[in-house]
Amino acid sequence: MNVCVEVTVASVASLITSVNTEMVEEEEKKKKKEIVAAITKEDFARFDPVQPVLRITDLTVGYNQYVCLFETDSGKYVLKKTKKPQPDLVSEFCATTLVHKFADQVPVPTVLYLDPTLLVETYISGIPLTEFIPDFGSQFVSLGRFLRSIHSARTEGFGIMSTPGKGQFRTEYEQVAALTHCDHPEEFSNYKLLKQLELGKNVYDKYKKQLLDSSASRLLHGDLRADNVLVQGGKISAILDFGDSVAGAPELDLAWFYLNAKRAETWDWFMKGYADSAEGKEMSLKTKLYVVIHATWLIMADFMPEGSDRHIKFLSVLSELAASK
């Protein structure tokens, strides 16, 4: 009798797993169809009406955009398309333009065409960077150095750029206020997280006058993490996806990378490159404050579940700052 029950439970579990797998596969197929339907040869013709397209390969459906690889006789091109005008495409153009001008040793795509809903850029080959290979450390040292070079580009103002080097806000305070703004606070009902957000606000109020300096604005990647980096032959071949790029304080980038690193060693290796020091560099007080600022937005947007790696890091930094005199 017990054996029968065990077999039945196992069968049900197997069935559930099978159904879940099929649902995931079906969702992936839907996404692929959505991309193929969304980006066509006619879109490529907006960039080049003469070259025939040999092949279209779907790459991804982003938060606001579709991305495809177009192959022609003359080469490969990446097309990014939005359903309606979005700042992402302009941000990508502004950021890569500045990198090519002020940090040309950093491997980034070149934007070849831009209109309100379409961006075309050069294709760079490689595979996504991962933290789970034996020699990952040297690659993250290189990534830290590349980010330091990106941060060498000075900008005016803070926030999203509509033209290369000019942010939409006059001060860092305004940028942080926009970053942590919540349109529908009444929908947020998790009491435990609400208390953490309240403590986070207290920590921000405690340090903002000391740490937010509106004179230090630099070019930021905005979403630097391993998924947005390609490697080839053991070296970084490209840093991608500048759609979230902004003008702002370098600590904003550093805090975001810290929250998204999968291993503690990743941050250590990365900071060795960024600080250009074999000993690396301890996390600054301002970077810790930006960890709290990022986490505030992530919690309100429901992108940081309780108990996740990012949430645990946030709580550690939050408790340290709250206890500090």
Protein backbone atom coordinates (compact mmCIF):
# COMPACT_ATOMS: atom_id res chain seq x y z
CA MET A 1 0.00 0.00 0.00
CA ASN A 2 2.79 2.41 0.95
CA VAL A 3 4.66 1.52 -2.23
CA CYS A 4 1.59 2.41 -4.29
CA VAL A 5 1.31 5.77 -2.54
CA GLU A 6 4.99 6.50 -3.16
CA VAL A 7 4.63 5.60 -6.83
CA THR A 8 1.56 7.81 -7.11
CA VAL A 9 3.31 10.78 -5.48
CA ALA A 10 6.33 10.29 -7.71
CA SER A 11 4.08 10.09 -10.75
CA VAL A 12 2.28 13.29 -9.82
CA ALA A 13 5.59 15.08 -9.22
CA SER A 14 6.87 13.86 -12.58
CA LEU A 15 3.69 15.02 -14.28
CA ILE A 16 3.91 18.47 -12.66
CA THR A 17 7.56 18.79 -13.74
CA SER A 18 6.64 17.75 -17.27
CA VAL A 19 3.77 20.24 -17.45
CA ASN A 20 5.96 23.05 -16.09
CA THR A 21 8.68 22.26 -18.63
CA GLU A 22 6.17 22.28 -21.46
CA MET A 23 4.78 25.62 -20.26
CA VAL A 24 8.27 27.15 -20.18
CA GLU A 25 9.05 25.80 -23.65
CA GLU A 26 5.73 27.10 -24.98
CA GLU A 27 6.43 30.52 -23.48
CA GLU A 28 9.85 30.57 -25.14
CA LYS A 29 8.26 29.68 -28.49
CA LYS A 30 5.76 32.51 -28.05
CA LYS A 31 8.57 34.96 -27.35
CA LYS A 32 10.46 33.84 -30.45
CA LYS A 33 7.35 34.28 -32.60
CA GLU A 34 6.76 37.67 -31.03
CA ILE A 35 10.29 38.82 -31.91
CA VAL A 36 10.12 37.50 -35.47
CA ALA A 37 6.77 39.22 -35.99
CA ALA A 38 8.00 42.44 -34.37
CA ILE A 39 11.22 42.96 -36.37
CA THR A 40 11.12 42.47 -40.13
CA LYS A 41 13.24 43.08 -43.22
CA GLU A 42 11.31 46.31 -43.66
CA ASP A 43 12.80 47.50 -40.36
CA PHE A 44 16.30 46.78 -41.64
CA ALA A 45 15.44 48.72 -44.80
CA ARG A 46 14.96 51.82 -42.64
CA PHE A 47 18.73 51.56 -42.03
CA ASP A 48 19.81 50.18 -45.42
CA PRO A 49 17.21 49.90 -48.21
CA VAL A 50 19.69 48.31 -50.63
CA GLN A 51 21.33 45.35 -48.87
CA PRO A 52 19.35 42.10 -49.03
CA VAL A 53 18.85 40.36 -45.68
CA LEU A 54 20.06 36.75 -45.70
CA ARG A 55 19.02 35.65 -42.23
CA ILE A 56 17.22 37.00 -39.14
CA THR A 57 17.95 35.45 -35.72
CA ASP A 58 15.96 36.40 -32.64
CA LEU A 59 18.15 37.30 -29.66
CA THR A 60 15.80 38.38 -26.90
CA VAL A 61 12.70 40.21 -25.78
CA GLY A 62 13.88 42.92 -23.42
CA TYR A 63 11.85 44.86 -20.89
CA ASN A 64 11.00 47.54 -23.46
CA GLN A 65 12.44 46.22 -26.71
CA TYR A 66 12.88 43.40 -29.20
CA VAL A 67 16.39 42.44 -30.33
CA CYS A 68 17.38 40.56 -33.51
CA LEU A 69 20.55 39.72 -35.40
CA PHE A 70 20.43 40.52 -39.12
CA GLU A 71 22.93 38.91 -41.48
CA THR A 72 23.80 40.35 -44.90
CA ASP A 73 26.56 39.86 -47.46
CA SER A 74 28.52 42.70 -45.88
CA GLY A 75 28.24 41.57 -42.25
CA LYS A 76 26.08 41.19 -39.17
CA TYR A 77 24.01 43.87 -37.45
CA VAL A 78 22.04 44.01 -34.22
CA LEU A 79 18.61 45.67 -34.42
CA LYS A 80 16.77 46.90 -31.35
CA LYS A 81 13.16 47.96 -31.76
CA THR A 82 10.62 49.40 -29.34
CA LYS A 83 6.85 49.46 -29.74
CA LYS A 84 6.85 53.20 -29.06
CA PRO A 85 9.58 55.80 -28.50
CA GLN A 86 11.57 54.94 -25.36
CA PRO A 87 14.62 56.55 -23.74
CA ASP A 88 16.49 53.21 -23.93
CA LEU A 89 17.57 53.64 -27.56
CA VAL A 90 18.70 57.23 -27.08
CA SER A 91 20.58 56.24 -23.91
CA GLU A 92 22.39 53.49 -25.82
CA PHE A 93 23.40 55.96 -28.52
CA CYS A 94 24.54 58.63 -26.04
CA ALA A 95 26.55 56.22 -23.91
CA THR A 96 28.35 54.35 -26.69
CA THR A 97 29.15 57.66 -28.41
CA LEU A 98 30.84 58.90 -25.22
CA VAL A 99 32.70 55.63 -24.67
CA HIS A 100 34.13 55.74 -28.20
CA LYS A 101 35.17 59.36 -27.62
CA PHE A 102 36.63 59.20 -24.11
CA ALA A 103 37.34 55.50 -23.41
CA ASP A 104 37.99 53.93 -26.79
CA GLN A 105 39.88 50.99 -25.28
CA VAL A 106 36.55 49.69 -23.91
CA PRO A 107 34.93 47.25 -26.38
CA VAL A 108 31.37 48.45 -27.07
CA PRO A 109 29.17 48.33 -30.18
CA THR A 110 28.95 51.30 -32.55
CA VAL A 111 25.51 52.72 -33.23
CA LEU A 112 24.99 53.00 -37.00
CA TYR A 113 21.38 54.17 -37.13
CA LEU A 114 18.86 55.65 -34.73
CA ASP A 115 15.25 56.78 -35.06
CA PRO A 116 12.54 57.04 -32.36
CA THR A 117 11.77 53.27 -32.34
CA LEU A 118 14.76 51.60 -34.00
CA LEU A 119 18.49 51.34 -33.32
CA VAL A 120 21.04 49.48 -35.45
CA GLU A 121 24.51 48.73 -34.10
CA THR A 122 27.53 46.65 -34.98
CA TYR A 123 27.58 42.99 -33.95
CA ILE A 124 30.33 41.74 -31.64
CA SER A 125 30.74 38.00 -31.16
CA GLY A 126 31.26 36.25 -27.84
CA ILE A 127 29.54 34.29 -25.10
CA PRO A 128 28.10 35.73 -21.85
CA LEU A 129 30.57 36.21 -19.01
CA THR A 130 30.02 33.84 -16.11
CA GLU A 131 31.21 33.69 -12.53
CA PHE A 132 31.24 29.89 -12.56
CA ILE A 133 34.41 29.01 -14.47
CA PRO A 134 37.88 28.37 -12.99
CA ASP A 135 39.59 31.51 -14.35
CA PHE A 136 36.74 33.97 -13.91
CA GLY A 137 38.76 36.27 -11.64
CA SER A 138 41.02 37.80 -14.30
CA GLN A 139 38.01 38.62 -16.48
CA PHE A 140 36.33 40.52 -13.66
CA VAL A 141 39.55 42.40 -12.96
CA SER A 142 39.45 43.49 -16.61
CA LEU A 143 35.78 44.42 -16.28
CA GLY A 144 36.58 46.62 -13.29
CA ARG A 145 39.27 48.41 -15.31
CA PHE A 146 36.87 48.92 -18.21
CA LEU A 147 34.24 50.43 -15.90
CA ARG A 148 36.84 52.79 -14.45
CA SER A 149 37.58 53.94 -18.02
CA ILE A 150 33.86 54.44 -18.72
CA HIS A 151 33.61 56.54 -15.55
CA SER A 152 36.44 58.75 -16.80
CA ALA A 153 33.95 60.40 -19.18
CA ARG A 154 32.68 63.54 -17.46
CA THR A 155 29.04 64.55 -17.87
CA GLU A 156 26.79 67.47 -17.01
CA GLY A 157 23.74 67.01 -14.85
CA PHE A 158 22.28 63.70 -13.65
CA GLY A 159 19.92 61.04 -14.93
CA ILE A 160 18.81 60.02 -18.43
CA MET A 161 20.68 61.69 -21.29
CA SER A 162 18.81 63.04 -24.31
CA THR A 163 22.11 64.19 -25.85
CA PRO A 164 25.56 62.70 -25.14
CA GLY A 165 26.90 63.93 -21.81
CA LYS A 166 23.90 65.91 -20.54
CA GLY A 167 21.61 64.47 -17.86
CA GLN A 168 18.00 65.53 -17.36
CA PHE A 169 18.38 66.63 -13.71
CA ARG A 170 20.41 69.46 -12.22
CA THR A 171 21.26 67.66 -8.96
CA GLU A 172 21.97 64.19 -7.65
CA TYR A 173 19.11 64.61 -5.18
CA GLU A 174 16.62 64.90 -8.05
CA GLN A 175 18.04 61.80 -9.72
CA VAL A 176 17.71 59.73 -6.54
CA ALA A 177 14.15 61.01 -5.99
CA ALA A 178 13.21 59.83 -9.50
CA LEU A 179 14.95 56.49 -8.98
CA THR A 180 13.05 55.73 -5.78
CA HIS A 181 9.67 57.13 -6.85
CA CYS A 182 6.71 54.73 -6.58
CA ASP A 183 3.58 55.47 -8.66
CA HIS A 184 1.25 53.24 -6.65
CA PRO A 185 2.44 53.01 -3.01
CA GLU A 186 -1.04 51.90 -1.91
CA GLU A 187 -0.50 48.60 -3.78
CA PHE A 188 2.54 47.75 -1.67
CA SER A 189 1.29 45.76 1.33
CA ASN A 190 4.17 43.57 2.58
CA TYR A 191 4.52 44.89 6.15
CA LYS A 192 7.97 43.38 6.70
CA LEU A 193 9.38 44.96 3.56
CA LEU A 194 7.61 48.21 4.33
CA LYS A 195 9.50 48.41 7.62
CA GLN A 196 12.75 47.81 5.75
CA LEU A 197 11.87 50.57 3.30
CA GLU A 198 11.13 52.89 6.21
CA LEU A 199 14.51 52.11 7.75
CA GLY A 200 16.11 52.61 4.34
CA LYS A 201 14.56 56.08 4.10
CA ASN A 202 15.88 56.93 7.56
CA VAL A 203 19.36 55.82 6.50
CA TYR A 204 19.12 57.90 3.31
CA ASP A 205 18.02 60.98 5.25
CA LYS A 206 20.89 60.41 7.67
CA TYR A 207 23.61 60.38 4.99
CA LYS A 208 22.31 62.31 1.98
CA LYS A 209 23.73 65.73 2.90
CA GLN A 210 27.10 64.18 3.66
CA LEU A 211 27.36 61.98 0.57
CA LEU A 212 25.38 63.37 -2.35
CA ASP A 213 27.68 65.75 -4.21
CA SER A 214 26.16 67.33 -7.31
CA SER A 215 29.59 68.20 -8.73
CA ALA A 216 30.65 64.60 -9.43
CA SER A 217 28.75 63.45 -12.53
CA ARG A 218 30.19 60.80 -14.84
CA LEU A 219 29.02 58.45 -17.57
CA LEU A 220 27.46 55.32 -16.04
CA HIS A 221 26.57 52.00 -17.63
CA GLY A 222 23.43 51.69 -15.51
CA ASP A 223 23.06 47.91 -15.67
CA LEU A 224 26.53 46.42 -15.43
CA ARG A 225 26.42 42.71 -14.59
CA ALA A 226 27.85 39.52 -16.04
CA ASP A 227 24.85 38.98 -18.36
CA ASN A 228 25.70 42.19 -20.23
CA VAL A 229 29.33 41.25 -20.94
CA LEU A 230 30.68 38.99 -23.69
CA VAL A 231 33.95 37.06 -23.68
CA GLN A 232 35.91 35.41 -26.46
CA GLY A 233 39.24 33.63 -26.23
CA GLY A 234 39.33 34.16 -22.47
CA LYS A 235 39.06 37.95 -22.79
CA ILE A 236 36.20 40.43 -22.67
CA SER A 237 35.08 41.10 -26.22
CA ALA A 238 32.16 43.46 -25.54
CA ILE A 239 30.23 45.37 -22.90
CA LEU A 240 26.62 45.57 -24.06
CA ASP A 241 23.20 46.99 -23.24
CA PHE A 242 23.70 50.63 -22.39
CA GLY A 243 19.95 51.21 -22.56
CA ASP A 244 19.88 52.10 -18.84
CA SER A 245 22.91 54.36 -19.07
CA VAL A 246 22.70 57.66 -17.19
CA ALA A 247 24.85 60.51 -16.00
CA GLY A 248 25.56 60.29 -12.29
CA ALA A 249 27.83 59.29 -9.44
CA PRO A 250 30.10 56.27 -10.11
CA GLU A 251 28.88 54.68 -6.87
CA LEU A 252 25.50 54.10 -8.51
CA ASP A 253 27.16 51.68 -10.97
CA LEU A 254 29.31 50.04 -8.30
CA ALA A 255 26.36 49.38 -5.99
CA TRP A 256 24.33 47.83 -8.81
CA PHE A 257 27.19 45.52 -9.77
CA TYR A 258 27.62 44.49 -6.12
CA LEU A 259 23.93 43.62 -5.75
CA ASN A 260 23.98 41.48 -8.91
CA ALA A 261 27.27 39.63 -8.35
CA LYS A 262 26.61 35.95 -7.68
CA ARG A 263 29.74 35.33 -5.61
CA ALA A 264 31.58 37.36 -2.97
CA GLU A 265 34.87 36.80 -4.81
CA THR A 266 33.41 38.45 -7.92
CA TRP A 267 33.13 41.80 -6.15
CA ASP A 268 36.68 41.43 -4.77
CA TRP A 269 38.19 40.70 -8.19
CA PHE A 270 36.13 43.43 -9.85
CA MET A 271 37.27 46.05 -7.34
CA LYS A 272 40.92 45.06 -7.80
CA GLY A 273 40.52 46.15 -11.42
CA TYR A 274 38.41 49.20 -10.68
CA ALA A 275 40.74 50.48 -7.94
CA ASP A 276 43.83 49.39 -9.94
CA SER A 277 45.21 47.78 -6.80
CA ALA A 278 46.20 44.21 -5.93
CA GLU A 279 44.45 44.65 -2.58
CA GLY A 280 41.26 45.95 -4.18
CA LYS A 281 39.22 48.51 -2.32
CA GLU A 282 36.70 48.39 0.49
CA MET A 283 33.17 49.44 -0.34
CA SER A 284 32.81 53.16 0.24
CA LEU A 285 30.10 54.66 2.42
CA LYS A 286 28.50 56.26 -0.64
CA THR A 287 28.42 52.94 -2.52
CA LYS A 288 26.67 51.41 0.49
CA LEU A 289 24.12 54.22 0.42
CA TYR A 290 23.44 53.49 -3.25
CA VAL A 291 22.92 49.81 -2.38
CA VAL A 292 20.06 51.00 -0.16
CA ILE A 293 18.77 53.34 -2.89
CA HIS A 294 18.78 50.58 -5.53
CA ALA A 295 17.15 48.13 -3.14
CA THR A 296 14.38 50.63 -2.42
CA TRP A 297 13.46 50.72 -6.10
CA LEU A 298 13.81 46.94 -6.50
CA ILE A 299 11.50 46.23 -3.57
CA MET A 300 8.85 48.69 -4.73
CA ALA A 301 9.02 47.27 -8.27
CA ASP A 302 8.70 43.73 -6.86
CA PHE A 303 12.05 42.73 -8.38
CA MET A 304 13.73 41.67 -5.12
CA PRO A 305 11.97 38.80 -3.30
CA GLU A 306 12.60 38.23 0.39
CA GLY A 307 15.53 35.89 0.95
CA SER A 308 17.08 36.45 -2.48
CA ASP A 309 20.82 37.11 -2.74
CA ARG A 310 20.18 40.78 -3.46
CA HIS A 311 17.81 41.08 -0.51
CA ILE A 312 20.34 39.49 1.88
CA LYS A 313 23.07 41.89 0.71
CA PHE A 314 20.71 44.84 1.12
CA LEU A 315 19.80 43.85 4.70
CA SER A 316 23.46 43.49 5.63
CA VAL A 317 24.34 46.95 4.30
CA LEU A 318 21.17 48.48 5.74
CA SER A 319 21.83 47.20 9.25
CA GLU A 320 25.45 48.41 9.09
CA LEU A 321 24.46 51.93 8.04
CA ALA A 322 21.59 52.11 10.50
CA ALA A 323 23.89 51.13 13.39
CA SER A 324 26.69 53.48 12.39
CA LYS A 325 26.98 56.69 14.39
